[in-house]
Amino acid sequence: CRAEKFPSQSIADLGQKVECNVNTGLICNNKDQQIGGIIPMPVCLNY
């Protein structure tokens, strides 16, 4: 799994809470994101 705009950075380095696994795929909920990190808004990046 990777962020579309930041393909070479790990998800952990982006500061977003994201679920990425072989059972479901990728899930990122806006409500789980904190202000800060790579973007100033508490929303998911496009993965």
ModelCIF file with pLDDT and N, C-alpha, C, O atoms, coordinates in Angstrom:
data_MODEL
#
_entry.id   MODEL 
#
_entity.id                         1 
_entity.type                       polymer 
_entity.pdbx_number_of_molecules   1 
#
_entity_poly.entity_id                      1 
_entity_poly.type                           'polypeptide(L)' 
_entity_poly.nstd_linkage                   no 
_entity_poly.nstd_monomer                   no 
_entity_poly.pdbx_seq_one_letter_code       CRAEKFPSQSIADLGQKVECNVNTGLICNNKDQQIGGIIPMPVCLNY 
_entity_poly.pdbx_seq_one_letter_code_can   CRAEKFPSQSIADLGQKVECNVNTGLICNNKDQQIGGIIPMPVCLNY 
_entity_poly.pdbx_strand_id                 A 
#
loop_
_entity_poly_seq.entity_id 
_entity_poly_seq.num 
_entity_poly_seq.mon_id 
_entity_poly_seq.hetero 
1 1  CYS n 
1 2  ARG n 
1 3  ALA n 
1 4  GLU n 
1 5  LYS n 
1 6  PHE n 
1 7  PRO n 
1 8  SER n 
1 9  GLN n 
1 10 SER n 
1 11 ILE n 
1 12 ALA n 
1 13 ASP n 
1 14 LEU n 
1 15 GLY n 
1 16 GLN n 
1 17 LYS n 
1 18 VAL n 
1 19 GLU n 
1 20 CYS n 
1 21 ASN n 
1 22 VAL n 
1 23 ASN n 
1 24 THR n 
1 25 GLY n 
1 26 LEU n 
1 27 ILE n 
1 28 CYS n 
1 29 ASN n 
1 30 ASN n 
1 31 LYS n 
1 32 ASP n 
1 33 GLN n 
1 34 GLN n 
1 35 ILE n 
1 36 GLY n 
1 37 GLY n 
1 38 ILE n 
1 39 ILE n 
1 40 PRO n 
1 41 MET n 
1 42 PRO n 
1 43 VAL n 
1 44 CYS n 
1 45 LEU n 
1 46 ASN n 
1 47 TYR n 
#
_struct_asym.id          A 
_struct_asym.entity_id   1 
#
loop_
_ma_qa_metric.id 
_ma_qa_metric.mode 
_ma_qa_metric.name 
_ma_qa_metric.software_group_id 
_ma_qa_metric.type 
1 global pLDDT . pLDDT 
2 local  pLDDT . pLDDT 
#
_ma_qa_metric_global.metric_id      1 
_ma_qa_metric_global.metric_value   91.94 
_ma_qa_metric_global.model_id       1 
_ma_qa_metric_global.ordinal_id     1 
#
loop_
_ma_qa_metric_local.label_asym_id 
_ma_qa_metric_local.label_comp_id 
_ma_qa_metric_local.label_seq_id 
_ma_qa_metric_local.metric_id 
_ma_qa_metric_local.metric_value 
_ma_qa_metric_local.model_id 
_ma_qa_metric_local.ordinal_id 
A CYS 1  2 98.00 1 1  
A ARG 2  2 98.00 1 2  
A ALA 3  2 97.00 1 3  
A GLU 4  2 97.00 1 4  
A LYS 5  2 95.00 1 5  
A PHE 6  2 95.00 1 6  
A PRO 7  2 96.00 1 7  
A SER 8  2 96.00 1 8  
A GLN 9  2 94.00 1 9  
A SER 10 2 92.00 1 10 
A ILE 11 2 90.00 1 11 
A ALA 12 2 88.00 1 12 
A ASP 13 2 90.00 1 13 
A LEU 14 2 90.00 1 14 
A GLY 15 2 89.00 1 15 
A GLN 16 2 92.00 1 16 
A LYS 17 2 94.00 1 17 
A VAL 18 2 96.00 1 18 
A GLU 19 2 97.00 1 19 
A CYS 20 2 97.00 1 20 
A ASN 21 2 97.00 1 21 
A VAL 22 2 96.00 1 22 
A ASN 23 2 96.00 1 23 
A THR 24 2 96.00 1 24 
A GLY 25 2 98.00 1 25 
A LEU 26 2 98.00 1 26 
A ILE 27 2 98.00 1 27 
A CYS 28 2 97.00 1 28 
A ASN 29 2 96.00 1 29 
A ASN 30 2 95.00 1 30 
A LYS 31 2 95.00 1 31 
A ASP 32 2 95.00 1 32 
A GLN 33 2 92.00 1 33 
A GLN 34 2 87.00 1 34 
A ILE 35 2 83.00 1 35 
A GLY 36 2 74.00 1 36 
A GLY 37 2 70.00 1 37 
A ILE 38 2 74.00 1 38 
A ILE 39 2 77.00 1 39 
A PRO 40 2 78.00 1 40 
A MET 41 2 82.00 1 41 
A PRO 42 2 88.00 1 42 
A VAL 43 2 93.00 1 43 
A CYS 44 2 95.00 1 44 
A LEU 45 2 95.00 1 45 
A ASN 46 2 97.00 1 46 
A TYR 47 2 98.00 1 47 
#
loop_
_atom_site.group_PDB 
_atom_site.id 
_atom_site.type_symbol 
_atom_site.label_atom_id 
_atom_site.label_alt_id 
_atom_site.label_comp_id 
_atom_site.label_asym_id 
_atom_site.label_entity_id 
_atom_site.label_seq_id 
_atom_site.pdbx_PDB_ins_code 
_atom_site.Cartn_x 
_atom_site.Cartn_y 
_atom_site.Cartn_z 
_atom_site.occupancy 
_atom_site.B_iso_or_equiv 
_atom_site.pdbx_formal_charge 
_atom_site.auth_seq_id 
_atom_site.auth_comp_id 
_atom_site.auth_asym_id 
_atom_site.auth_atom_id 
_atom_site.pdbx_PDB_model_num 
ATOM 1   N N  . CYS A 1 1  ? 0.839   -1.189  0.000  1.00 98.00 ? 1  CYS A N  1 
ATOM 2   C CA . CYS A 1 1  ? 0.000   0.000   0.000  1.00 98.00 ? 1  CYS A CA 1 
ATOM 3   C C  . CYS A 1 1  ? 0.881   1.247   0.000  1.00 98.00 ? 1  CYS A C  1 
ATOM 4   O O  . CYS A 1 1  ? 1.925   1.279   0.651  1.00 98.00 ? 1  CYS A O  1 
ATOM 5   N N  . ARG A 1 2  ? 0.451   2.272   -0.734 1.00 98.00 ? 2  ARG A N  1 
ATOM 6   C CA . ARG A 1 2  ? 1.215   3.520   -0.763 1.00 98.00 ? 2  ARG A CA 1 
ATOM 7   C C  . ARG A 1 2  ? 0.284   4.693   -1.049 1.00 98.00 ? 2  ARG A C  1 
ATOM 8   O O  . ARG A 1 2  ? -0.801  4.529   -1.607 1.00 98.00 ? 2  ARG A O  1 
ATOM 9   N N  . ALA A 1 3  ? 0.737   5.878   -0.652 1.00 97.00 ? 3  ALA A N  1 
ATOM 10  C CA . ALA A 1 3  ? -0.003  7.101   -0.951 1.00 97.00 ? 3  ALA A CA 1 
ATOM 11  C C  . ALA A 1 3  ? 0.316   7.492   -2.389 1.00 97.00 ? 3  ALA A C  1 
ATOM 12  O O  . ALA A 1 3  ? 1.476   7.485   -2.802 1.00 97.00 ? 3  ALA A O  1 
ATOM 13  N N  . GLU A 1 4  ? -0.709  7.830   -3.134 1.00 97.00 ? 4  GLU A N  1 
ATOM 14  C CA . GLU A 1 4  ? -0.532  8.162   -4.545 1.00 97.00 ? 4  GLU A CA 1 
ATOM 15  C C  . GLU A 1 4  ? 0.464   9.318   -4.753 1.00 97.00 ? 4  GLU A C  1 
ATOM 16  O O  . GLU A 1 4  ? 1.314   9.245   -5.641 1.00 97.00 ? 4  GLU A O  1 
ATOM 17  N N  . LYS A 1 5  ? 0.364   10.370  -3.950 1.00 95.00 ? 5  LYS A N  1 
ATOM 18  C CA . LYS A 1 5  ? 1.227   11.551  -4.108 1.00 95.00 ? 5  LYS A CA 1 
ATOM 19  C C  . LYS A 1 5  ? 2.611   11.379  -3.462 1.00 95.00 ? 5  LYS A C  1 
ATOM 20  O O  . LYS A 1 5  ? 3.523   12.161  -3.732 1.00 95.00 ? 5  LYS A O  1 
ATOM 21  N N  . PHE A 1 6  ? 2.763   10.363  -2.614 1.00 95.00 ? 6  PHE A N  1 
ATOM 22  C CA . PHE A 1 6  ? 4.028   10.127  -1.910 1.00 95.00 ? 6  PHE A CA 1 
ATOM 23  C C  . PHE A 1 6  ? 4.418   8.654   -2.025 1.00 95.00 ? 6  PHE A C  1 
ATOM 24  O O  . PHE A 1 6  ? 4.529   7.967   -1.009 1.00 95.00 ? 6  PHE A O  1 
ATOM 25  N N  . PRO A 1 7  ? 4.628   8.160   -3.245 1.00 96.00 ? 7  PRO A N  1 
ATOM 26  C CA . PRO A 1 7  ? 4.844   6.721   -3.447 1.00 96.00 ? 7  PRO A CA 1 
ATOM 27  C C  . PRO A 1 7  ? 6.111   6.158   -2.809 1.00 96.00 ? 7  PRO A C  1 
ATOM 28  O O  . PRO A 1 7  ? 6.179   4.959   -2.536 1.00 96.00 ? 7  PRO A O  1 
ATOM 29  N N  . SER A 1 8  ? 7.111   7.000   -2.568 1.00 96.00 ? 8  SER A N  1 
ATOM 30  C CA . SER A 1 8  ? 8.358   6.472   -2.007 1.00 96.00 ? 8  SER A CA 1 
ATOM 31  C C  . SER A 1 8  ? 8.415   6.553   -0.488 1.00 96.00 ? 8  SER A C  1 
ATOM 32  O O  . SER A 1 8  ? 9.382   6.090   0.117  1.00 96.00 ? 8  SER A O  1 
ATOM 33  N N  . GLN A 1 9  ? 7.386   7.139   0.142  1.00 94.00 ? 9  GLN A N  1 
ATOM 34  C CA . GLN A 1 9  ? 7.372   7.239   1.608  1.00 94.00 ? 9  GLN A CA 1 
ATOM 35  C C  . GLN A 1 9  ? 6.490   6.155   2.210  1.00 94.00 ? 9  GLN A C  1 
ATOM 36  O O  . GLN A 1 9  ? 5.433   5.826   1.672  1.00 94.00 ? 9  GLN A O  1 
ATOM 37  N N  . SER A 1 10 ? 6.936   5.608   3.324  1.00 92.00 ? 10 SER A N  1 
ATOM 38  C CA . SER A 1 10 ? 6.133   4.587   3.990  1.00 92.00 ? 10 SER A CA 1 
ATOM 39  C C  . SER A 1 10 ? 4.909   5.247   4.619  1.00 92.00 ? 10 SER A C  1 
ATOM 40  O O  . SER A 1 10 ? 4.932   6.434   4.943  1.00 92.00 ? 10 SER A O  1 
ATOM 41  N N  . ILE A 1 11 ? 3.853   4.478   4.785  1.00 90.00 ? 11 ILE A N  1 
ATOM 42  C CA . ILE A 1 11 ? 2.623   5.003   5.388  1.00 90.00 ? 11 ILE A CA 1 
ATOM 43  C C  . ILE A 1 11 ? 2.904   5.468   6.814  1.00 90.00 ? 11 ILE A C  1 
ATOM 44  O O  . ILE A 1 11 ? 2.339   6.465   7.262  1.00 90.00 ? 11 ILE A O  1 
ATOM 45  N N  . ALA A 1 12 ? 3.763   4.762   7.523  1.00 88.00 ? 12 ALA A N  1 
ATOM 46  C CA . ALA A 1 12 ? 4.120   5.149   8.902  1.00 88.00 ? 12 ALA A CA 1 
ATOM 47  C C  . ALA A 1 12 ? 4.738   6.548   8.921  1.00 88.00 ? 12 ALA A C  1 
ATOM 48  O O  . ALA A 1 12 ? 4.472   7.329   9.835  1.00 88.00 ? 12 ALA A O  1 
ATOM 49  N N  . ASP A 1 13 ? 5.555   6.865   7.926  1.00 90.00 ? 13 ASP A N  1 
ATOM 50  C CA . ASP A 1 13 ? 6.200   8.182   7.863  1.00 90.00 ? 13 ASP A CA 1 
ATOM 51  C C  . ASP A 1 13 ? 5.218   9.298   7.512  1.00 90.00 ? 13 ASP A C  1 
ATOM 52  O O  . ASP A 1 13 ? 5.498   10.473  7.752  1.00 90.00 ? 13 ASP A O  1 
ATOM 53  N N  . LEU A 1 14 ? 4.076   8.935   6.946  1.00 90.00 ? 14 LEU A N  1 
ATOM 54  C CA . LEU A 1 14 ? 3.084   9.948   6.563  1.00 90.00 ? 14 LEU A CA 1 
ATOM 55  C C  . LEU A 1 14 ? 2.241   10.400  7.749  1.00 90.00 ? 14 LEU A C  1 
ATOM 56  O O  . LEU A 1 14 ? 1.568   11.429  7.681  1.00 90.00 ? 14 LEU A O  1 
ATOM 57  N N  . GLY A 1 15 ? 2.276   9.640   8.823  1.00 89.00 ? 15 GLY A N  1 
ATOM 58  C CA . GLY A 1 15 ? 1.523   10.019  10.019 1.00 89.00 ? 15 GLY A CA 1 
ATOM 59  C C  . GLY A 1 15 ? 0.029   9.773   9.923  1.00 89.00 ? 15 GLY A C  1 
ATOM 60  O O  . GLY A 1 15 ? -0.750  10.430  10.614 1.00 89.00 ? 15 GLY A O  1 
ATOM 61  N N  . GLN A 1 16 ? -0.389  8.830   9.072  1.00 92.00 ? 16 GLN A N  1 
ATOM 62  C CA . GLN A 1 16 ? -1.817  8.524   8.939  1.00 92.00 ? 16 GLN A CA 1 
ATOM 63  C C  . GLN A 1 16 ? -2.102  7.136   9.485  1.00 92.00 ? 16 GLN A C  1 
ATOM 64  O O  . GLN A 1 16 ? -1.271  6.231   9.406  1.00 92.00 ? 16 GLN A O  1 
ATOM 65  N N  . LYS A 1 17 ? -3.299  6.993   10.042 1.00 94.00 ? 17 LYS A N  1 
ATOM 66  C CA . LYS A 1 17 ? -3.737  5.695   10.535 1.00 94.00 ? 17 LYS A CA 1 
ATOM 67  C C  . LYS A 1 17 ? -4.452  4.996   9.379  1.00 94.00 ? 17 LYS A C  1 
ATOM 68  O O  . LYS A 1 17 ? -5.523  5.415   8.940  1.00 94.00 ? 17 LYS A O  1 
ATOM 69  N N  . VAL A 1 18 ? -3.826  3.918   8.899  1.00 96.00 ? 18 VAL A N  1 
ATOM 70  C CA . VAL A 1 18 ? -4.320  3.203   7.722  1.00 96.00 ? 18 VAL A CA 1 
ATOM 71  C C  . VAL A 1 18 ? -4.243  1.702   7.983  1.00 96.00 ? 18 VAL A C  1 
ATOM 72  O O  . VAL A 1 18 ? -3.259  1.213   8.538  1.00 96.00 ? 18 VAL A O  1 
ATOM 73  N N  . GLU A 1 19 ? -5.268  0.985   7.587  1.00 97.00 ? 19 GLU A N  1 
ATOM 74  C CA . GLU A 1 19 ? -5.263  -0.476  7.673  1.00 97.00 ? 19 GLU A CA 1 
ATOM 75  C C  . GLU A 1 19 ? -4.956  -1.020  6.283  1.00 97.00 ? 19 GLU A C  1 
ATOM 76  O O  . GLU A 1 19 ? -5.633  -0.683  5.312  1.00 97.00 ? 19 GLU A O  1 
ATOM 77  N N  . CYS A 1 20 ? -3.942  -1.854  6.198  1.00 97.00 ? 20 CYS A N  1 
ATOM 78  C CA . CYS A 1 20 ? -3.532  -2.433  4.913  1.00 97.00 ? 20 CYS A CA 1 
ATOM 79  C C  . CYS A 1 20 ? -3.223  -3.902  5.151  1.00 97.00 ? 20 CYS A C  1 
ATOM 80  O O  . CYS A 1 20 ? -2.190  -4.229  5.735  1.00 97.00 ? 20 CYS A O  1 
ATOM 81  N N  . ASN A 1 21 ? -4.114  -4.799  4.701  1.00 97.00 ? 21 ASN A N  1 
ATOM 82  C CA . ASN A 1 21 ? -3.868  -6.226  4.927  1.00 97.00 ? 21 ASN A CA 1 
ATOM 83  C C  . ASN A 1 21 ? -4.457  -7.103  3.832  1.00 97.00 ? 21 ASN A C  1 
ATOM 84  O O  . ASN A 1 21 ? -5.288  -6.654  3.043  1.00 97.00 ? 21 ASN A O  1 
ATOM 85  N N  . VAL A 1 22 ? -4.019  -8.356  3.793  1.00 96.00 ? 22 VAL A N  1 
ATOM 86  C CA . VAL A 1 22 ? -4.425  -9.294  2.742  1.00 96.00 ? 22 VAL A CA 1 
ATOM 87  C C  . VAL A 1 22 ? -5.866  -9.779  2.893  1.00 96.00 ? 22 VAL A C  1 
ATOM 88  O O  . VAL A 1 22 ? -6.397  -10.411 1.979  1.00 96.00 ? 22 VAL A O  1 
ATOM 89  N N  . ASN A 1 23 ? -6.506  -9.497  4.023  1.00 96.00 ? 23 ASN A N  1 
ATOM 90  C CA . ASN A 1 23 ? -7.885  -9.947  4.218  1.00 96.00 ? 23 ASN A CA 1 
ATOM 91  C C  . ASN A 1 23 ? -8.908  -8.972  3.638  1.00 96.00 ? 23 ASN A C  1 
ATOM 92  O O  . ASN A 1 23 ? -9.931  -9.394  3.099  1.00 96.00 ? 23 ASN A O  1 
ATOM 93  N N  . THR A 1 24 ? -8.634  -7.659  3.746  1.00 96.00 ? 24 THR A N  1 
ATOM 94  C CA . THR A 1 24 ? -9.623  -6.676  3.294  1.00 96.00 ? 24 THR A CA 1 
ATOM 95  C C  . THR A 1 24 ? -9.108  -5.711  2.235  1.00 96.00 ? 24 THR A C  1 
ATOM 96  O O  . THR A 1 24 ? -9.898  -5.180  1.455  1.00 96.00 ? 24 THR A O  1 
ATOM 97  N N  . GLY A 1 25 ? -7.810  -5.475  2.192  1.00 98.00 ? 25 GLY A N  1 
ATOM 98  C CA . GLY A 1 25 ? -7.261  -4.451  1.306  1.00 98.00 ? 25 GLY A CA 1 
ATOM 99  C C  . GLY A 1 25 ? -6.849  -3.266  2.148  1.00 98.00 ? 25 GLY A C  1 
ATOM 100 O O  . GLY A 1 25 ? -6.288  -3.443  3.230  1.00 98.00 ? 25 GLY A O  1 
ATOM 101 N N  . LEU A 1 26 ? -7.118  -2.046  1.670  1.00 98.00 ? 26 LEU A N  1 
ATOM 102 C CA . LEU A 1 26 ? -6.749  -0.834  2.408  1.00 98.00 ? 26 LEU A CA 1 
ATOM 103 C C  . LEU A 1 26 ? -7.994  -0.090  2.865  1.00 98.00 ? 26 LEU A C  1 
ATOM 104 O O  . LEU A 1 26 ? -8.943  0.094   2.103  1.00 98.00 ? 26 LEU A O  1 
ATOM 105 N N  . ILE A 1 27 ? -7.970  0.331   4.122  1.00 98.00 ? 27 ILE A N  1 
ATOM 106 C CA . ILE A 1 27 ? -9.050  1.147   4.694  1.00 98.00 ? 27 ILE A CA 1 
ATOM 107 C C  . ILE A 1 27 ? -8.415  2.333   5.402  1.00 98.00 ? 27 ILE A C  1 
ATOM 108 O O  . ILE A 1 27 ? -7.542  2.165   6.253  1.00 98.00 ? 27 ILE A O  1 
ATOM 109 N N  . CYS A 1 28 ? -8.856  3.528   5.045  1.00 97.00 ? 28 CYS A N  1 
ATOM 110 C CA . CYS A 1 28 ? -8.413  4.747   5.713  1.00 97.00 ? 28 CYS A CA 1 
ATOM 111 C C  . CYS A 1 28 ? -9.663  5.572   6.010  1.00 97.00 ? 28 CYS A C  1 
ATOM 112 O O  . CYS A 1 28 ? -10.362 5.993   5.088  1.00 97.00 ? 28 CYS A O  1 
ATOM 113 N N  . ASN A 1 29 ? -9.945  5.803   7.284  1.00 96.00 ? 29 ASN A N  1 
ATOM 114 C CA . ASN A 1 29 ? -11.104 6.599   7.697  1.00 96.00 ? 29 ASN A CA 1 
ATOM 115 C C  . ASN A 1 29 ? -10.661 8.019   8.043  1.00 96.00 ? 29 ASN A C  1 
ATOM 116 O O  . ASN A 1 29 ? -9.713  8.211   8.804  1.00 96.00 ? 29 ASN A O  1 
ATOM 117 N N  . ASN A 1 30 ? -11.352 9.012   7.480  1.00 95.00 ? 30 ASN A N  1 
ATOM 118 C CA . ASN A 1 30 ? -11.035 10.415  7.784  1.00 95.00 ? 30 ASN A CA 1 
ATOM 119 C C  . ASN A 1 30 ? -11.086 10.682  9.290  1.00 95.00 ? 30 ASN A C  1 
ATOM 120 O O  . ASN A 1 30 ? -10.243 11.401  9.827  1.00 95.00 ? 30 ASN A O  1 
ATOM 121 N N  . LYS A 1 31 ? -12.080 10.100  9.966  1.00 95.00 ? 31 LYS A N  1 
ATOM 122 C CA . LYS A 1 31 ? -12.277 10.367  11.402 1.00 95.00 ? 31 LYS A CA 1 
ATOM 123 C C  . LYS A 1 31 ? -11.113 9.879   12.271 1.00 95.00 ? 31 LYS A C  1 
ATOM 124 O O  . LYS A 1 31 ? -10.965 10.319  13.412 1.00 95.00 ? 31 LYS A O  1 
ATOM 125 N N  . ASP A 1 32 ? -10.271 8.955   11.725 1.00 95.00 ? 32 ASP A N  1 
ATOM 126 C CA . ASP A 1 32 ? -9.133  8.426   12.481 1.00 95.00 ? 32 ASP A CA 1 
ATOM 127 C C  . ASP A 1 32 ? -7.868  9.276   12.323 1.00 95.00 ? 32 ASP A C  1 
ATOM 128 O O  . ASP A 1 32 ? -6.862  9.005   12.979 1.00 95.00 ? 32 ASP A O  1 
ATOM 129 N N  . GLN A 1 33 ? -7.905  10.287  11.474 1.00 92.00 ? 33 GLN A N  1 
ATOM 130 C CA . GLN A 1 33 ? -6.706  11.076  11.173 1.00 92.00 ? 33 GLN A CA 1 
ATOM 131 C C  . GLN A 1 33 ? -6.583  12.272  12.116 1.00 92.00 ? 33 GLN A C  1 
ATOM 132 O O  . GLN A 1 33 ? -7.577  12.858  12.547 1.00 92.00 ? 33 GLN A O  1 
ATOM 133 N N  . GLN A 1 34 ? -5.348  12.609  12.416 1.00 87.00 ? 34 GLN A N  1 
ATOM 134 C CA . GLN A 1 34 ? -5.038  13.743  13.288 1.00 87.00 ? 34 GLN A CA 1 
ATOM 135 C C  . GLN A 1 34 ? -4.574  14.927  12.439 1.00 87.00 ? 34 GLN A C  1 
ATOM 136 O O  . GLN A 1 34 ? -4.040  14.739  11.346 1.00 87.00 ? 34 GLN A O  1 
ATOM 137 N N  . ILE A 1 35 ? -4.776  16.128  12.935 1.00 83.00 ? 35 ILE A N  1 
ATOM 138 C CA . ILE A 1 35 ? -4.254  17.309  12.257 1.00 83.00 ? 35 ILE A CA 1 
ATOM 139 C C  . ILE A 1 35 ? -2.730  17.256  12.364 1.00 83.00 ? 35 ILE A C  1 
ATOM 140 O O  . ILE A 1 35 ? -2.181  16.957  13.424 1.00 83.00 ? 35 ILE A O  1 
ATOM 141 N N  . GLY A 1 36 ? -2.069  17.546  11.267 1.00 74.00 ? 36 GLY A N  1 
ATOM 142 C CA . GLY A 1 36 ? -0.608  17.472  11.238 1.00 74.00 ? 36 GLY A CA 1 
ATOM 143 C C  . GLY A 1 36 ? -0.155  16.402  10.273 1.00 74.00 ? 36 GLY A C  1 
ATOM 144 O O  . GLY A 1 36 ? -0.895  16.003  9.374  1.00 74.00 ? 36 GLY A O  1 
ATOM 145 N N  . GLY A 1 37 ? 1.047   15.949  10.462 1.00 70.00 ? 37 GLY A N  1 
ATOM 146 C CA . GLY A 1 37 ? 1.578   14.956  9.534  1.00 70.00 ? 37 GLY A CA 1 
ATOM 147 C C  . GLY A 1 37 ? 1.938   15.620  8.213  1.00 70.00 ? 37 GLY A C  1 
ATOM 148 O O  . GLY A 1 37 ? 2.337   16.784  8.184  1.00 70.00 ? 37 GLY A O  1 
ATOM 149 N N  . ILE A 1 38 ? 1.798   14.894  7.143  1.00 74.00 ? 38 ILE A N  1 
ATOM 150 C CA . ILE A 1 38 ? 2.207   15.376  5.827  1.00 74.00 ? 38 ILE A CA 1 
ATOM 151 C C  . ILE A 1 38 ? 1.257   16.424  5.249  1.00 74.00 ? 38 ILE A C  1 
ATOM 152 O O  . ILE A 1 38 ? 1.664   17.247  4.428  1.00 74.00 ? 38 ILE A O  1 
ATOM 153 N N  . ILE A 1 39 ? -0.003  16.395  5.675  1.00 77.00 ? 39 ILE A N  1 
ATOM 154 C CA . ILE A 1 39 ? -0.970  17.400  5.209  1.00 77.00 ? 39 ILE A CA 1 
ATOM 155 C C  . ILE A 1 39 ? -1.612  18.068  6.420  1.00 77.00 ? 39 ILE A C  1 
ATOM 156 O O  . ILE A 1 39 ? -1.767  17.435  7.465  1.00 77.00 ? 39 ILE A O  1 
ATOM 157 N N  . PRO A 1 40 ? -1.984  19.332  6.291  1.00 78.00 ? 40 PRO A N  1 
ATOM 158 C CA . PRO A 1 40 ? -2.526  20.052  7.443  1.00 78.00 ? 40 PRO A CA 1 
ATOM 159 C C  . PRO A 1 40 ? -3.988  19.735  7.781  1.00 78.00 ? 40 PRO A C  1 
ATOM 160 O O  . PRO A 1 40 ? -4.517  20.264  8.758  1.00 78.00 ? 40 PRO A O  1 
ATOM 161 N N  . MET A 1 41 ? -4.641  18.886  6.996  1.00 82.00 ? 41 MET A N  1 
ATOM 162 C CA . MET A 1 41 ? -6.048  18.557  7.230  1.00 82.00 ? 41 MET A CA 1 
ATOM 163 C C  . MET A 1 41 ? -6.179  17.144  7.800  1.00 82.00 ? 41 MET A C  1 
ATOM 164 O O  . MET A 1 41 ? -5.407  16.259  7.431  1.00 82.00 ? 41 MET A O  1 
ATOM 165 N N  . PRO A 1 42 ? -7.142  16.923  8.690  1.00 88.00 ? 42 PRO A N  1 
ATOM 166 C CA . PRO A 1 42 ? -7.333  15.569  9.238  1.00 88.00 ? 42 PRO A CA 1 
ATOM 167 C C  . PRO A 1 42 ? -8.172  14.687  8.300  1.00 88.00 ? 42 PRO A C  1 
ATOM 168 O O  . PRO A 1 42 ? -9.254  14.228  8.666  1.00 88.00 ? 42 PRO A O  1 
ATOM 169 N N  . VAL A 1 43 ? -7.663  14.463  7.106  1.00 93.00 ? 43 VAL A N  1 
ATOM 170 C CA . VAL A 1 43 ? -8.344  13.606  6.125  1.00 93.00 ? 43 VAL A CA 1 
ATOM 171 C C  . VAL A 1 43 ? -7.333  12.624  5.536  1.00 93.00 ? 43 VAL A C  1 
ATOM 172 O O  . VAL A 1 43 ? -6.123  12.838  5.603  1.00 93.00 ? 43 VAL A O  1 
ATOM 173 N N  . CYS A 1 44 ? -7.848  11.563  4.969  1.00 95.00 ? 44 CYS A N  1 
ATOM 174 C CA . CYS A 1 44 ? -6.994  10.551  4.344  1.00 95.00 ? 44 CYS A CA 1 
ATOM 175 C C  . CYS A 1 44 ? -6.399  11.063  3.048  1.00 95.00 ? 44 CYS A C  1 
ATOM 176 O O  . CYS A 1 44 ? -7.036  11.797  2.292  1.00 95.00 ? 44 CYS A O  1 
ATOM 177 N N  . LEU A 1 45 ? -5.180  10.665  2.814  1.00 95.00 ? 45 LEU A N  1 
ATOM 178 C CA . LEU A 1 45 ? -4.580  10.859  1.498  1.00 95.00 ? 45 LEU A CA 1 
ATOM 179 C C  . LEU A 1 45 ? -5.241  9.857   0.553  1.00 95.00 ? 45 LEU A C  1 
ATOM 180 O O  . LEU A 1 45 ? -5.967  8.966   0.993  1.00 95.00 ? 45 LEU A O  1 
ATOM 181 N N  . ASN A 1 46 ? -4.987  10.005  -0.739 1.00 97.00 ? 46 ASN A N  1 
ATOM 182 C CA . ASN A 1 46 ? -5.472  9.021   -1.701 1.00 97.00 ? 46 ASN A CA 1 
ATOM 183 C C  . ASN A 1 46 ? -4.428  7.907   -1.783 1.00 97.00 ? 46 ASN A C  1 
ATOM 184 O O  . ASN A 1 46 ? -3.267  8.151   -2.111 1.00 97.00 ? 46 ASN A O  1 
ATOM 185 N N  . TYR A 1 47 ? -4.858  6.686   -1.480 1.00 98.00 ? 47 TYR A N  1 
ATOM 186 C CA . TYR A 1 47 ? -3.958  5.544   -1.474 1.00 98.00 ? 47 TYR A CA 1 
ATOM 187 C C  . TYR A 1 47 ? -4.219  4.635   -2.666 1.00 98.00 ? 47 TYR A C  1 
ATOM 188 O O  . TYR A 1 47 ? -3.548  3.615   -2.823 1.00 98.00 ? 47 TYR A O  1 
#
